[in-house]
Amino acid sequence: MDDESANATSTRIASDIDEHHGEFAHDPPWSEIHVYGTPLSHELEQVFRELGATEFEPTKDGFISRR
């Protein structure tokens, strides 16, 4: 996955996190995910919104996604 873009990596990992720590797999489910190494793009915002995120906070190193 060395050729994978930061957006692609973040998308893949977000799906894995939701699968293992989401509402059907974990109690309590994730409520906040910190992303490092890439800023919030429109594409990533859509990915996280599909996972239930409603709030986004830019950080120096990336962003925080909350639901």
N, C-alpha and C. Protein backbone atom coordinates (compact mmCIF):
# COMPACT_ATOMS: atom_id res chain seq x y z
N MET A 1 0.80 -1.17 0.00
CA MET A 1 0.00 0.00 0.00
C MET A 1 0.86 1.25 0.00
N ASP A 2 2.12 1.10 -0.38
CA ASP A 2 3.04 2.23 -0.43
C ASP A 2 2.59 3.27 -1.44
N ASP A 3 1.84 2.87 -2.48
CA ASP A 3 1.39 3.79 -3.51
C ASP A 3 0.08 4.49 -3.14
N GLU A 4 -0.52 4.08 -2.04
CA GLU A 4 -1.83 4.58 -1.64
C GLU A 4 -1.74 6.03 -1.16
N SER A 5 -2.68 6.86 -1.59
CA SER A 5 -2.73 8.25 -1.15
C SER A 5 -3.19 8.33 0.30
N ALA A 6 -2.93 9.46 0.93
CA ALA A 6 -3.36 9.65 2.31
C ALA A 6 -4.88 9.56 2.42
N ASN A 7 -5.60 10.09 1.43
CA ASN A 7 -7.07 10.00 1.43
C ASN A 7 -7.51 8.54 1.35
N ALA A 8 -6.89 7.77 0.48
CA ALA A 8 -7.26 6.37 0.31
C ALA A 8 -6.96 5.57 1.59
N THR A 9 -5.81 5.83 2.19
CA THR A 9 -5.45 5.15 3.43
C THR A 9 -6.45 5.50 4.53
N SER A 10 -6.78 6.78 4.66
CA SER A 10 -7.73 7.21 5.68
C SER A 10 -9.10 6.60 5.46
N THR A 11 -9.53 6.51 4.22
CA THR A 11 -10.82 5.90 3.90
C THR A 11 -10.84 4.43 4.30
N ARG A 12 -9.80 3.71 3.95
CA ARG A 12 -9.71 2.28 4.27
C ARG A 12 -9.68 2.06 5.79
N ILE A 13 -8.88 2.84 6.47
CA ILE A 13 -8.75 2.67 7.92
C ILE A 13 -10.03 3.07 8.64
N ALA A 14 -10.70 4.12 8.18
CA ALA A 14 -11.97 4.54 8.80
C ALA A 14 -12.99 3.41 8.74
N SER A 15 -13.07 2.76 7.61
CA SER A 15 -14.00 1.63 7.47
C SER A 15 -13.64 0.49 8.41
N ASP A 16 -12.35 0.21 8.55
CA ASP A 16 -11.90 -0.84 9.48
C ASP A 16 -12.23 -0.47 10.92
N ILE A 17 -11.99 0.79 11.28
CA ILE A 17 -12.29 1.24 12.64
C ILE A 17 -13.77 1.09 12.92
N ASP A 18 -14.60 1.52 11.98
CA ASP A 18 -16.04 1.42 12.18
C ASP A 18 -16.49 -0.04 12.27
N GLU A 19 -15.89 -0.90 11.48
CA GLU A 19 -16.24 -2.32 11.51
C GLU A 19 -15.94 -2.93 12.88
N HIS A 20 -14.81 -2.55 13.48
CA HIS A 20 -14.38 -3.17 14.73
C HIS A 20 -14.79 -2.40 15.99
N HIS A 21 -15.14 -1.10 15.82
CA HIS A 21 -15.48 -0.27 16.98
C HIS A 21 -16.78 0.49 16.80
N GLY A 22 -17.56 0.14 15.79
CA GLY A 22 -18.83 0.80 15.52
C GLY A 22 -19.95 0.28 16.39
N GLU A 23 -21.16 0.79 16.15
CA GLU A 23 -22.29 0.47 17.01
C GLU A 23 -22.68 -1.00 17.04
N PHE A 24 -22.35 -1.76 16.00
CA PHE A 24 -22.71 -3.18 15.97
C PHE A 24 -21.59 -4.09 16.47
N ALA A 25 -20.43 -3.49 16.81
CA ALA A 25 -19.28 -4.31 17.21
C ALA A 25 -18.73 -3.96 18.58
N HIS A 26 -19.09 -2.82 19.09
CA HIS A 26 -18.43 -2.36 20.31
C HIS A 26 -19.42 -1.57 21.16
N ASP A 27 -19.31 -1.71 22.48
CA ASP A 27 -20.18 -0.95 23.38
C ASP A 27 -19.33 -0.26 24.43
N PRO A 28 -19.21 1.04 24.41
CA PRO A 28 -19.85 1.96 23.48
C PRO A 28 -19.10 2.02 22.15
N PRO A 29 -19.78 2.42 21.10
CA PRO A 29 -19.12 2.55 19.80
C PRO A 29 -18.22 3.78 19.78
N TRP A 30 -17.37 3.86 18.77
CA TRP A 30 -16.48 5.02 18.67
C TRP A 30 -17.31 6.30 18.62
N SER A 31 -16.75 7.35 19.19
CA SER A 31 -17.41 8.65 19.16
C SER A 31 -16.50 9.71 18.56
N GLU A 32 -15.21 9.38 18.45
CA GLU A 32 -14.25 10.36 17.95
C GLU A 32 -13.10 9.61 17.30
N ILE A 33 -12.70 10.05 16.12
CA ILE A 33 -11.54 9.48 15.44
C ILE A 33 -10.60 10.63 15.09
N HIS A 34 -9.35 10.50 15.51
CA HIS A 34 -8.32 11.48 15.19
C HIS A 34 -7.57 10.99 13.95
N VAL A 35 -7.49 11.83 12.94
CA VAL A 35 -6.79 11.48 11.70
C VAL A 35 -5.54 12.36 11.61
N TYR A 36 -4.39 11.73 11.39
CA TYR A 36 -3.12 12.44 11.29
C TYR A 36 -2.54 12.24 9.89
N GLY A 37 -1.91 13.27 9.37
CA GLY A 37 -1.17 13.14 8.13
C GLY A 37 -1.90 13.58 6.88
N THR A 38 -3.17 13.99 7.00
CA THR A 38 -3.90 14.50 5.85
C THR A 38 -4.99 15.44 6.35
N PRO A 39 -5.21 16.53 5.66
CA PRO A 39 -6.29 17.43 6.06
C PRO A 39 -7.65 16.86 5.66
N LEU A 40 -8.70 17.41 6.22
CA LEU A 40 -10.05 16.99 5.87
C LEU A 40 -10.38 17.47 4.46
N SER A 41 -10.65 16.54 3.58
CA SER A 41 -11.07 16.86 2.21
C SER A 41 -12.56 16.61 2.10
N HIS A 42 -13.16 17.06 1.03
CA HIS A 42 -14.58 16.80 0.80
C HIS A 42 -14.83 15.29 0.76
N GLU A 43 -13.93 14.57 0.09
CA GLU A 43 -14.06 13.11 -0.01
C GLU A 43 -14.04 12.44 1.36
N LEU A 44 -13.09 12.85 2.21
CA LEU A 44 -13.00 12.25 3.55
C LEU A 44 -14.19 12.65 4.41
N GLU A 45 -14.65 13.86 4.27
CA GLU A 45 -15.83 14.27 5.04
C GLU A 45 -17.02 13.38 4.68
N GLN A 46 -17.20 13.09 3.41
CA GLN A 46 -18.30 12.23 2.98
C GLN A 46 -18.14 10.81 3.54
N VAL A 47 -16.92 10.29 3.54
CA VAL A 47 -16.66 8.96 4.09
C VAL A 47 -17.07 8.91 5.56
N PHE A 48 -16.63 9.90 6.33
CA PHE A 48 -16.93 9.91 7.75
C PHE A 48 -18.41 10.20 8.02
N ARG A 49 -19.04 11.01 7.19
CA ARG A 49 -20.49 11.25 7.36
C ARG A 49 -21.26 9.95 7.13
N GLU A 50 -20.83 9.14 6.17
CA GLU A 50 -21.48 7.85 5.94
C GLU A 50 -21.32 6.91 7.14
N LEU A 51 -20.29 7.14 7.94
CA LEU A 51 -20.08 6.34 9.15
C LEU A 51 -20.78 6.95 10.36
N GLY A 52 -21.49 8.06 10.15
CA GLY A 52 -22.26 8.67 11.22
C GLY A 52 -21.67 9.92 11.83
N ALA A 53 -20.53 10.38 11.33
CA ALA A 53 -19.92 11.59 11.89
C ALA A 53 -20.75 12.82 11.55
N THR A 54 -20.81 13.74 12.49
CA THR A 54 -21.57 14.97 12.28
C THR A 54 -20.75 16.22 12.55
N GLU A 55 -19.59 16.05 13.19
CA GLU A 55 -18.73 17.20 13.51
C GLU A 55 -17.30 16.92 13.05
N PHE A 56 -16.65 17.98 12.60
CA PHE A 56 -15.27 17.87 12.13
C PHE A 56 -14.48 19.06 12.66
N GLU A 57 -13.28 18.77 13.15
CA GLU A 57 -12.42 19.82 13.68
C GLU A 57 -11.03 19.70 13.04
N PRO A 58 -10.62 20.71 12.30
CA PRO A 58 -9.27 20.68 11.75
C PRO A 58 -8.24 20.77 12.87
N THR A 59 -7.13 20.09 12.70
CA THR A 59 -6.02 20.17 13.65
C THR A 59 -4.74 20.49 12.87
N LYS A 60 -3.70 20.75 13.61
CA LYS A 60 -2.41 21.06 12.98
C LYS A 60 -1.93 19.91 12.10
N ASP A 61 -2.22 18.68 12.51
CA ASP A 61 -1.70 17.50 11.82
C ASP A 61 -2.75 16.74 11.00
N GLY A 62 -4.00 17.20 10.98
CA GLY A 62 -5.05 16.48 10.28
C GLY A 62 -6.43 16.99 10.65
N PHE A 63 -7.23 16.12 11.28
CA PHE A 63 -8.56 16.53 11.74
C PHE A 63 -9.12 15.51 12.73
N ILE A 64 -10.19 15.92 13.41
CA ILE A 64 -10.92 15.04 14.32
C ILE A 64 -12.34 14.92 13.78
N SER A 65 -12.82 13.71 13.73
CA SER A 65 -14.19 13.40 13.28
C SER A 65 -14.97 12.92 14.50
N ARG A 66 -16.15 13.51 14.72
CA ARG A 66 -16.96 13.12 15.89
C ARG A 66 -18.38 12.75 15.47
N ARG A 67 -18.98 11.87 16.26
CA ARG A 67 -20.41 11.58 16.09
C ARG A 67 -21.08 11.53 17.43
